[in-house]
Amino acid sequence: LPEKTNLEPLTISVIIPAYNAQSSILACLTSIEQSSFNINYQNRLEVIIVDDGSTDNTWKIIKRSDLLLNLIAIRQTNHGQAQALNTGISVAEGDIIISCDSDMVLGYYTIEQFAIAHKRIPNALFAGFRQDTPETDPRVNPNLIKEYGSHSDSFFAGDERIVFPISGWPNNMCLSSDHFRKLGKSSSLWMPDNDAWLLPDMVIGALFSLARSVFNEIGGYDERLVGWGCTDSYLAAKAIGANQYIIPLYP
């Protein structure tokens, strides 16, 4: 459980880029609506979803959703993930920006834990974790999330930074790097794929947080990276250059 504090929490903007996400977007938004942070501090949370030219029913689902959220929905022609994220950041007003993929179902305390972490360590990028979950799992069913809060059970042991998908040693990036402390300053972690993983590689855009002021300082995402993918590690490298720590946030 998050620690109790009398301090007013930071304001949060959750940025969700979406492309053909009709199968997951409602579960994603419902998990945020039913989160502890939205329940307790709704006036300090905004959710900005950017539909990057979806060709399915993503936009219809967003517009028809009836959620108790401070929701900003933007639709644009397809430009790719980096540009969609920058669009969301350009209208964000929160102290902290949480980058969240449209197929993520956030745990009950996830947003609150990010807010607490930034209050404790202001100059950091906090990396969240994930696990692939079948659509039949009740924890990702939007109706069950709304009725029973089934997303309260967060389990992410399948994240590749916890269990690497290729057998061999090392198989746990977090433990082998002493929770990222041994990375940085040109240090790398050689994994069984025979590739060197650097500190920025520990940041996966599916879920991480960074102060909005730092996003603005480093110029956001590099829109020369077109399509979807490869945007998060480069942004993390720029954050390191702006004197931000990279810290795993396991809760």
C-alpha atoms as a PDB file:
ATOM      1  CA  LEU A   1       0.000   0.000   0.000  1.00  0.00           C
ATOM      2  CA  PRO A   2       1.216   3.569  -0.617  1.00  0.00           C
ATOM      3  CA  GLU A   3       2.472   5.363   2.444  1.00  0.00           C
ATOM      4  CA  LYS A   4       0.088   7.861   4.002  1.00  0.00           C
ATOM      5  CA  THR A   5       1.076  11.511   3.826  1.00  0.00           C
ATOM      6  CA  ASN A   6      -0.561  14.818   4.658  1.00  0.00           C
ATOM      7  CA  LEU A   7       1.169  16.524   1.739  1.00  0.00           C
ATOM      8  CA  GLU A   8      -0.939  17.526  -1.252  1.00  0.00           C
ATOM      9  CA  PRO A   9       0.036  15.215  -4.148  1.00  0.00           C
ATOM     10  CA  LEU A  10       1.553  16.462  -7.370  1.00  0.00           C
ATOM     11  CA  THR A  11      -0.708  16.926 -10.359  1.00  0.00           C
ATOM     12  CA  ILE A  12      -0.534  14.116 -12.910  1.00  0.00           C
ATOM     13  CA  SER A  13      -1.086  13.953 -16.677  1.00  0.00           C
ATOM     14  CA  VAL A  14      -1.402  10.458 -18.126  1.00  0.00           C
ATOM     15  CA  ILE A  15      -0.581  10.530 -21.858  1.00  0.00           C
ATOM     16  CA  ILE A  16      -1.959   7.632 -23.905  1.00  0.00           C
ATOM     17  CA  PRO A  17      -1.038   7.379 -27.602  1.00  0.00           C
ATOM     18  CA  ALA A  18      -3.469   5.070 -29.380  1.00  0.00           C
ATOM     19  CA  TYR A  19      -3.482   3.408 -32.772  1.00  0.00           C
ATOM     20  CA  ASN A  20      -6.089   0.732 -33.609  1.00  0.00           C
ATOM     21  CA  ALA A  21      -6.604   0.043 -29.902  1.00  0.00           C
ATOM     22  CA  GLN A  22     -10.288  -0.869 -29.953  1.00  0.00           C
ATOM     23  CA  SER A  23      -9.707  -4.133 -28.066  1.00  0.00           C
ATOM     24  CA  SER A  24      -7.903  -2.569 -25.106  1.00  0.00           C
ATOM     25  CA  ILE A  25      -8.568   1.163 -24.785  1.00  0.00           C
ATOM     26  CA  LEU A  26     -11.708   0.890 -22.653  1.00  0.00           C
ATOM     27  CA  ALA A  27      -9.988  -1.401 -20.138  1.00  0.00           C
ATOM     28  CA  CYS A  28      -7.045   1.006 -19.995  1.00  0.00           C
ATOM     29  CA  LEU A  29      -9.260   4.027 -19.310  1.00  0.00           C
ATOM     30  CA  THR A  30     -11.475   2.144 -16.847  1.00  0.00           C
ATOM     31  CA  SER A  31      -8.466   1.060 -14.792  1.00  0.00           C
ATOM     32  CA  ILE A  32      -7.430   4.712 -14.517  1.00  0.00           C
ATOM     33  CA  GLU A  33     -10.963   5.778 -13.591  1.00  0.00           C
ATOM     34  CA  GLN A  34     -11.047   3.148 -10.841  1.00  0.00           C
ATOM     35  CA  SER A  35      -7.532   3.933  -9.570  1.00  0.00           C
ATOM     36  CA  SER A  36      -6.915   5.130  -6.032  1.00  0.00           C
ATOM     37  CA  PHE A  37      -5.498   8.417  -7.321  1.00  0.00           C
ATOM     38  CA  ASN A  38      -8.551   9.280  -9.420  1.00  0.00           C
ATOM     39  CA  ILE A  39     -10.904   8.264  -6.615  1.00  0.00           C
ATOM     40  CA  ASN A  40      -9.097  10.399  -4.029  1.00  0.00           C
ATOM     41  CA  TYR A  41      -7.640  13.234  -6.124  1.00  0.00           C
ATOM     42  CA  GLN A  42      -9.709  13.511  -9.294  1.00  0.00           C
ATOM     43  CA  ASN A  43      -9.036  17.239  -9.542  1.00  0.00           C
ATOM     44  CA  ARG A  44      -5.281  16.534  -9.690  1.00  0.00           C
ATOM     45  CA  LEU A  45      -5.416  14.006 -12.529  1.00  0.00           C
ATOM     46  CA  GLU A  46      -5.950  14.480 -16.242  1.00  0.00           C
ATOM     47  CA  VAL A  47      -5.892  11.807 -18.920  1.00  0.00           C
ATOM     48  CA  ILE A  48      -4.928  12.809 -22.457  1.00  0.00           C
ATOM     49  CA  ILE A  49      -5.515  10.262 -25.179  1.00  0.00           C
ATOM     50  CA  VAL A  50      -4.234  10.904 -28.693  1.00  0.00           C
ATOM     51  CA  ASP A  51      -5.779   8.782 -31.432  1.00  0.00           C
ATOM     52  CA  ASP A  52      -3.051   8.639 -34.066  1.00  0.00           C
ATOM     53  CA  GLY A  53      -5.270   8.108 -37.087  1.00  0.00           C
ATOM     54  CA  SER A  54      -6.775   4.757 -36.079  1.00  0.00           C
ATOM     55  CA  THR A  55      -8.680   2.914 -38.817  1.00  0.00           C
ATOM     56  CA  ASP A  56     -10.764   0.800 -36.429  1.00  0.00           C
ATOM     57  CA  ASN A  57     -13.344   1.837 -33.799  1.00  0.00           C
ATOM     58  CA  THR A  58     -10.869   3.307 -31.308  1.00  0.00           C
ATOM     59  CA  TRP A  59     -12.183   6.860 -31.666  1.00  0.00           C
ATOM     60  CA  LYS A  60     -15.846   5.795 -31.393  1.00  0.00           C
ATOM     61  CA  ILE A  61     -15.124   3.860 -28.211  1.00  0.00           C
ATOM     62  CA  ILE A  62     -13.323   6.842 -26.692  1.00  0.00           C
ATOM     63  CA  LYS A  63     -16.112   9.264 -27.564  1.00  0.00           C
ATOM     64  CA  ARG A  64     -18.842   6.922 -26.278  1.00  0.00           C
ATOM     65  CA  SER A  65     -17.069   6.109 -23.012  1.00  0.00           C
ATOM     66  CA  ASP A  66     -18.883   7.354 -19.927  1.00  0.00           C
ATOM     67  CA  LEU A  67     -16.094   7.617 -17.395  1.00  0.00           C
ATOM     68  CA  LEU A  68     -15.587   9.818 -14.354  1.00  0.00           C
ATOM     69  CA  LEU A  69     -12.279  11.161 -15.625  1.00  0.00           C
ATOM     70  CA  ASN A  70     -10.847  14.522 -16.561  1.00  0.00           C
ATOM     71  CA  LEU A  71     -10.410  13.222 -20.096  1.00  0.00           C
ATOM     72  CA  ILE A  72      -9.007  15.101 -23.075  1.00  0.00           C
ATOM     73  CA  ALA A  73      -9.397  13.225 -26.367  1.00  0.00           C
ATOM     74  CA  ILE A  74      -7.469  14.325 -29.460  1.00  0.00           C
ATOM     75  CA  ARG A  75      -7.719  12.807 -32.922  1.00  0.00           C
ATOM     76  CA  GLN A  76      -5.064  13.402 -35.566  1.00  0.00           C
ATOM     77  CA  THR A  77      -3.909  11.946 -38.849  1.00  0.00           C
ATOM     78  CA  ASN A  78      -1.356   9.202 -38.510  1.00  0.00           C
ATOM     79  CA  HIS A  79       2.110  10.526 -37.694  1.00  0.00           C
ATOM     80  CA  GLY A  80       3.543   7.842 -35.414  1.00  0.00           C
ATOM     81  CA  GLN A  81       4.071   7.351 -31.715  1.00  0.00           C
ATOM     82  CA  ALA A  82       6.640  10.090 -31.088  1.00  0.00           C
ATOM     83  CA  GLN A  83       4.479  12.785 -32.639  1.00  0.00           C
ATOM     84  CA  ALA A  84       1.337  11.519 -30.896  1.00  0.00           C
ATOM     85  CA  LEU A  85       3.098  11.648 -27.527  1.00  0.00           C
ATOM     86  CA  ASN A  86       4.360  15.169 -28.203  1.00  0.00           C
ATOM     87  CA  THR A  87       0.818  16.209 -29.091  1.00  0.00           C
ATOM     88  CA  GLY A  88      -0.365  14.979 -25.708  1.00  0.00           C
ATOM     89  CA  ILE A  89       2.495  16.644 -23.856  1.00  0.00           C
ATOM     90  CA  SER A  90       1.808  19.963 -25.606  1.00  0.00           C
ATOM     91  CA  VAL A  91      -1.593  20.252 -23.912  1.00  0.00           C
ATOM     92  CA  ALA A  92      -0.678  18.587 -20.599  1.00  0.00           C
ATOM     93  CA  GLU A  93      -0.819  20.665 -17.435  1.00  0.00           C
ATOM     94  CA  GLY A  94       0.275  18.158 -14.778  1.00  0.00           C
ATOM     95  CA  ASP A  95       3.506  18.421 -12.790  1.00  0.00           C
ATOM     96  CA  ILE A  96       4.284  14.829 -13.770  1.00  0.00           C
ATOM     97  CA  ILE A  97       3.667  13.066 -17.054  1.00  0.00           C
ATOM     98  CA  ILE A  98       3.017   9.333 -17.081  1.00  0.00           C
ATOM     99  CA  SER A  99       3.532   7.726 -20.478  1.00  0.00           C
ATOM    100  CA  CYS A 100       1.064   4.856 -20.775  1.00  0.00           C
ATOM    101  CA  ASP A 101       0.437   2.547 -23.719  1.00  0.00           C
ATOM    102  CA  SER A 102      -3.162   2.049 -24.810  1.00  0.00           C
ATOM    103  CA  ASP A 103      -3.021  -1.682 -24.046  1.00  0.00           C
ATOM    104  CA  MET A 104      -1.951  -1.204 -20.426  1.00  0.00           C
ATOM    105  CA  VAL A 105      -4.291  -1.913 -17.505  1.00  0.00           C
ATOM    106  CA  LEU A 106      -2.867   0.022 -14.575  1.00  0.00           C
ATOM    107  CA  GLY A 107      -2.970  -1.422 -11.081  1.00  0.00           C
ATOM    108  CA  TYR A 108      -5.155   0.224  -8.457  1.00  0.00           C
ATOM    109  CA  TYR A 109      -2.255   2.094  -6.787  1.00  0.00           C
ATOM    110  CA  THR A 110      -0.028   2.604  -9.861  1.00  0.00           C
ATOM    111  CA  ILE A 111      -0.624   6.332 -10.409  1.00  0.00           C
ATOM    112  CA  GLU A 112      -0.486   7.055  -6.682  1.00  0.00           C
ATOM    113  CA  GLN A 113       2.872   5.270  -6.420  1.00  0.00           C
ATOM    114  CA  PHE A 114       4.290   7.392  -9.254  1.00  0.00           C
ATOM    115  CA  ALA A 115       3.084  10.565  -7.507  1.00  0.00           C
ATOM    116  CA  ILE A 116       4.660   9.530  -4.205  1.00  0.00           C
ATOM    117  CA  ALA A 117       7.946   8.581  -5.880  1.00  0.00           C
ATOM    118  CA  HIS A 118       8.285  11.976  -7.579  1.00  0.00           C
ATOM    119  CA  LYS A 119       7.489  13.749  -4.334  1.00  0.00           C
ATOM    120  CA  ARG A 120      10.305  11.821  -2.676  1.00  0.00           C
ATOM    121  CA  ILE A 121      12.860  12.077  -5.521  1.00  0.00           C
ATOM    122  CA  PRO A 122      12.065  15.007  -7.833  1.00  0.00           C
ATOM    123  CA  ASN A 123      14.972  14.551 -10.275  1.00  0.00           C
ATOM    124  CA  ALA A 124      14.168  11.079 -11.584  1.00  0.00           C
ATOM    125  CA  LEU A 125      12.526   9.146 -14.362  1.00  0.00           C
ATOM    126  CA  PHE A 126      10.624   6.217 -12.839  1.00  0.00           C
ATOM    127  CA  ALA A 127      10.321   3.065 -14.940  1.00  0.00           C
ATOM    128  CA  GLY A 128       7.196   0.971 -14.474  1.00  0.00           C
ATOM    129  CA  PHE A 129       6.718  -2.688 -15.338  1.00  0.00           C
ATOM    130  CA  ARG A 130       4.284  -4.833 -17.295  1.00  0.00           C
ATOM    131  CA  GLN A 131       3.234  -8.364 -18.095  1.00  0.00           C
ATOM    132  CA  ASP A 132       1.354  -9.756 -21.090  1.00  0.00           C
ATOM    133  CA  THR A 133      -2.114 -10.830 -20.011  1.00  0.00           C
ATOM    134  CA  PRO A 134      -4.710 -12.748 -22.057  1.00  0.00           C
ATOM    135  CA  GLU A 135      -7.957 -10.956 -22.872  1.00  0.00           C
ATOM    136  CA  THR A 136      -9.827 -13.653 -20.929  1.00  0.00           C
ATOM    137  CA  ASP A 137      -8.146 -12.610 -17.662  1.00  0.00           C
ATOM    138  CA  PRO A 138     -10.816 -10.922 -15.454  1.00  0.00           C
ATOM    139  CA  ARG A 139      -8.253  -8.329 -14.351  1.00  0.00           C
ATOM    140  CA  VAL A 140      -8.377  -6.744 -17.816  1.00  0.00           C
ATOM    141  CA  ASN A 141     -12.145  -6.881 -18.303  1.00  0.00           C
ATOM    142  CA  PRO A 142     -13.449  -3.282 -18.158  1.00  0.00           C
ATOM    143  CA  ASN A 143     -16.835  -4.321 -16.750  1.00  0.00           C
ATOM    144  CA  LEU A 144     -15.252  -6.330 -13.939  1.00  0.00           C
ATOM    145  CA  ILE A 145     -12.736  -3.578 -13.223  1.00  0.00           C
ATOM    146  CA  LYS A 146     -15.581  -1.114 -12.811  1.00  0.00           C
ATOM    147  CA  GLU A 147     -17.731  -3.427 -10.698  1.00  0.00           C
ATOM    148  CA  TYR A 148     -15.175  -5.278  -8.574  1.00  0.00           C
ATOM    149  CA  GLY A 149     -11.885  -3.426  -8.940  1.00  0.00           C
ATOM    150  CA  SER A 150     -10.307  -6.607 -10.312  1.00  0.00           C
ATOM    151  CA  HIS A 151      -7.228  -4.636 -11.440  1.00  0.00           C
ATOM    152  CA  SER A 152      -6.127  -4.275  -7.810  1.00  0.00           C
ATOM    153  CA  ASP A 153      -3.893  -7.330  -8.237  1.00  0.00           C
ATOM    154  CA  SER A 154      -0.801  -6.078 -10.076  1.00  0.00           C
ATOM    155  CA  PHE A 155       1.542  -8.822 -11.234  1.00  0.00           C
ATOM    156  CA  PHE A 156       4.415  -8.165 -13.615  1.00  0.00           C
ATOM    157  CA  ALA A 157       6.929 -10.992 -13.143  1.00  0.00           C
ATOM    158  CA  GLY A 158       6.844 -11.600 -16.901  1.00  0.00           C
ATOM    159  CA  ASP A 159       8.472  -8.258 -17.731  1.00  0.00           C
ATOM    160  CA  GLU A 160      11.651  -8.860 -19.744  1.00  0.00           C
ATOM    161  CA  ARG A 161      13.645  -6.818 -17.239  1.00  0.00           C
ATOM    162  CA  ILE A 162      12.554  -9.285 -14.532  1.00  0.00           C
ATOM    163  CA  VAL A 163      12.666 -12.525 -16.557  1.00  0.00           C
ATOM    164  CA  PHE A 164      14.581 -12.290 -19.827  1.00  0.00           C
ATOM    165  CA  PRO A 165      12.837 -14.224 -22.639  1.00  0.00           C
ATOM    166  CA  ILE A 166      16.088 -15.869 -23.853  1.00  0.00           C
ATOM    167  CA  SER A 167      17.548 -18.514 -21.550  1.00  0.00           C
ATOM    168  CA  GLY A 168      21.033 -18.066 -20.132  1.00  0.00           C
ATOM    169  CA  TRP A 169      22.827 -15.872 -17.630  1.00  0.00           C
ATOM    170  CA  PRO A 170      21.958 -13.291 -16.506  1.00  0.00           C
ATOM    171  CA  ASN A 171      18.199 -13.644 -16.686  1.00  0.00           C
ATOM    172  CA  ASN A 172      17.115 -10.770 -14.430  1.00  0.00           C
ATOM    173  CA  MET A 173      18.260  -7.305 -15.513  1.00  0.00           C
ATOM    174  CA  CYS A 174      17.062  -5.590 -12.355  1.00  0.00           C
ATOM    175  CA  LEU A 175      18.938  -7.860  -9.972  1.00  0.00           C
ATOM    176  CA  SER A 176      22.063  -8.151 -12.138  1.00  0.00           C
ATOM    177  CA  SER A 177      22.307  -4.351 -12.410  1.00  0.00           C
ATOM    178  CA  ASP A 178      21.553  -3.818  -8.703  1.00  0.00           C
ATOM    179  CA  HIS A 179      18.272  -2.169  -9.717  1.00  0.00           C
ATOM    180  CA  PHE A 180      19.975  -0.102 -12.470  1.00  0.00           C
ATOM    181  CA  ARG A 181      22.671   1.263 -10.126  1.00  0.00           C
ATOM    182  CA  LYS A 182      25.487  -0.484 -12.014  1.00  0.00           C
ATOM    183  CA  LEU A 183      24.387   0.965 -15.343  1.00  0.00           C
ATOM    184  CA  GLY A 184      25.150   4.369 -16.811  1.00  0.00           C
ATOM    185  CA  LYS A 185      28.455   6.097 -17.536  1.00  0.00           C
ATOM    186  CA  SER A 186      29.068   3.693 -20.461  1.00  0.00           C
ATOM    187  CA  SER A 187      28.438   0.603 -18.300  1.00  0.00           C
ATOM    188  CA  SER A 188      26.255  -2.035 -19.927  1.00  0.00           C
ATOM    189  CA  LEU A 189      24.649  -5.368 -19.156  1.00  0.00           C
ATOM    190  CA  TRP A 190      25.352  -8.204 -21.581  1.00  0.00           C
ATOM    191  CA  MET A 191      22.269 -10.376 -21.854  1.00  0.00           C
ATOM    192  CA  PRO A 192      21.818 -13.855 -23.432  1.00  0.00           C
ATOM    193  CA  ASP A 193      20.823 -12.232 -26.740  1.00  0.00           C
ATOM    194  CA  ASN A 194      24.521 -11.283 -27.009  1.00  0.00           C
ATOM    195  CA  ASP A 195      23.659  -7.603 -26.960  1.00  0.00           C
ATOM    196  CA  ALA A 196      24.706  -4.864 -24.548  1.00  0.00           C
ATOM    197  CA  TRP A 197      21.799  -3.267 -22.699  1.00  0.00           C
ATOM    198  CA  LEU A 198      22.446   0.301 -21.555  1.00  0.00           C
ATOM    199  CA  LEU A 199      20.697   2.327 -18.875  1.00  0.00           C
ATOM    200  CA  PRO A 200      18.299   4.032 -21.351  1.00  0.00           C
ATOM    201  CA  ASP A 201      17.228   0.570 -22.545  1.00  0.00           C
ATOM    202  CA  MET A 202      15.731  -0.047 -19.102  1.00  0.00           C
ATOM    203  CA  VAL A 203      12.998   2.493 -19.899  1.00  0.00           C
ATOM    204  CA  ILE A 204      10.112   0.976 -21.844  1.00  0.00           C
ATOM    205  CA  GLY A 205       7.500   3.436 -23.042  1.00  0.00           C
ATOM    206  CA  ALA A 206       4.633   1.178 -22.005  1.00  0.00           C
ATOM    207  CA  LEU A 207       4.796   2.799 -18.576  1.00  0.00           C
ATOM    208  CA  PHE A 208       7.139   5.408 -17.098  1.00  0.00           C
ATOM    209  CA  SER A 209       6.979   8.872 -15.568  1.00  0.00           C
ATOM    210  CA  LEU A 210       8.979  12.086 -15.780  1.00  0.00           C
ATOM    211  CA  ALA A 211       8.435  15.680 -14.714  1.00  0.00           C
ATOM    212  CA  ARG A 212       6.735  17.774 -17.405  1.00  0.00           C
ATOM    213  CA  SER A 213       9.381  20.469 -16.952  1.00  0.00           C
ATOM    214  CA  VAL A 214      12.060  17.943 -17.971  1.00  0.00           C
ATOM    215  CA  PHE A 215      10.053  16.856 -21.022  1.00  0.00           C
ATOM    216  CA  ASN A 216       9.973  20.507 -22.070  1.00  0.00           C
ATOM    217  CA  GLU A 217      13.666  21.026 -21.301  1.00  0.00           C
ATOM    218  CA  ILE A 218      14.792  18.103 -23.489  1.00  0.00           C
ATOM    219  CA  GLY A 219      12.348  18.850 -26.293  1.00  0.00           C
ATOM    220  CA  GLY A 220      10.051  15.863 -25.828  1.00  0.00           C
ATOM    221  CA  TYR A 221      10.215  12.910 -28.170  1.00  0.00           C
ATOM    222  CA  ASP A 222      12.307  12.975 -31.341  1.00  0.00           C
ATOM    223  CA  GLU A 223       9.814  13.025 -34.210  1.00  0.00           C
ATOM    224  CA  ARG A 224      12.479  11.858 -36.644  1.00  0.00           C
ATOM    225  CA  LEU A 225      11.701   8.409 -35.215  1.00  0.00           C
ATOM    226  CA  VAL A 226       8.659   7.621 -37.342  1.00  0.00           C
ATOM    227  CA  GLY A 227       6.218   4.757 -36.873  1.00  0.00           C
ATOM    228  CA  TRP A 228       5.883   3.096 -33.474  1.00  0.00           C
ATOM    229  CA  GLY A 229       8.822   2.037 -31.283  1.00  0.00           C
ATOM    230  CA  CYS A 230      12.376   3.194 -30.495  1.00  0.00           C
ATOM    231  CA  THR A 231      11.138   6.442 -28.949  1.00  0.00           C
ATOM    232  CA  ASP A 232      11.483   5.671 -25.247  1.00  0.00           C
ATOM    233  CA  SER A 233      15.181   4.759 -24.942  1.00  0.00           C
ATOM    234  CA  TYR A 234      16.297   7.892 -26.777  1.00  0.00           C
ATOM    235  CA  LEU A 235      14.091  10.056 -24.585  1.00  0.00           C
ATOM    236  CA  ALA A 236      15.562   8.327 -21.516  1.00  0.00           C
ATOM    237  CA  ALA A 237      19.066   9.092 -22.777  1.00  0.00           C
ATOM    238  CA  LYS A 238      18.135  12.763 -23.088  1.00  0.00           C
ATOM    239  CA  ALA A 239      16.665  12.673 -19.561  1.00  0.00           C
ATOM    240  CA  ILE A 240      19.966  11.299 -18.240  1.00  0.00           C
ATOM    241  CA  GLY A 241      21.687  14.178 -20.006  1.00  0.00           C
ATOM    242  CA  ALA A 242      19.375  16.507 -18.080  1.00  0.00           C
ATOM    243  CA  ASN A 243      20.660  15.027 -14.784  1.00  0.00           C
ATOM    244  CA  GLN A 244      17.722  12.709 -14.125  1.00  0.00           C
ATOM    245  CA  TYR A 245      18.169   9.398 -12.348  1.00  0.00           C
ATOM    246  CA  ILE A 246      16.589   6.284 -13.896  1.00  0.00           C
ATOM    247  CA  ILE A 247      14.872   4.336 -11.125  1.00  0.00           C
ATOM    248  CA  PRO A 248      12.718   1.205 -11.279  1.00  0.00           C
ATOM    249  CA  LEU A 249       9.333   1.596  -9.606  1.00  0.00           C
ATOM    250  CA  TYR A 250       8.264  -1.918  -8.687  1.00  0.00           C
ATOM    251  CA  PRO A 251       4.937  -1.110  -6.958  1.00  0.00           C
END
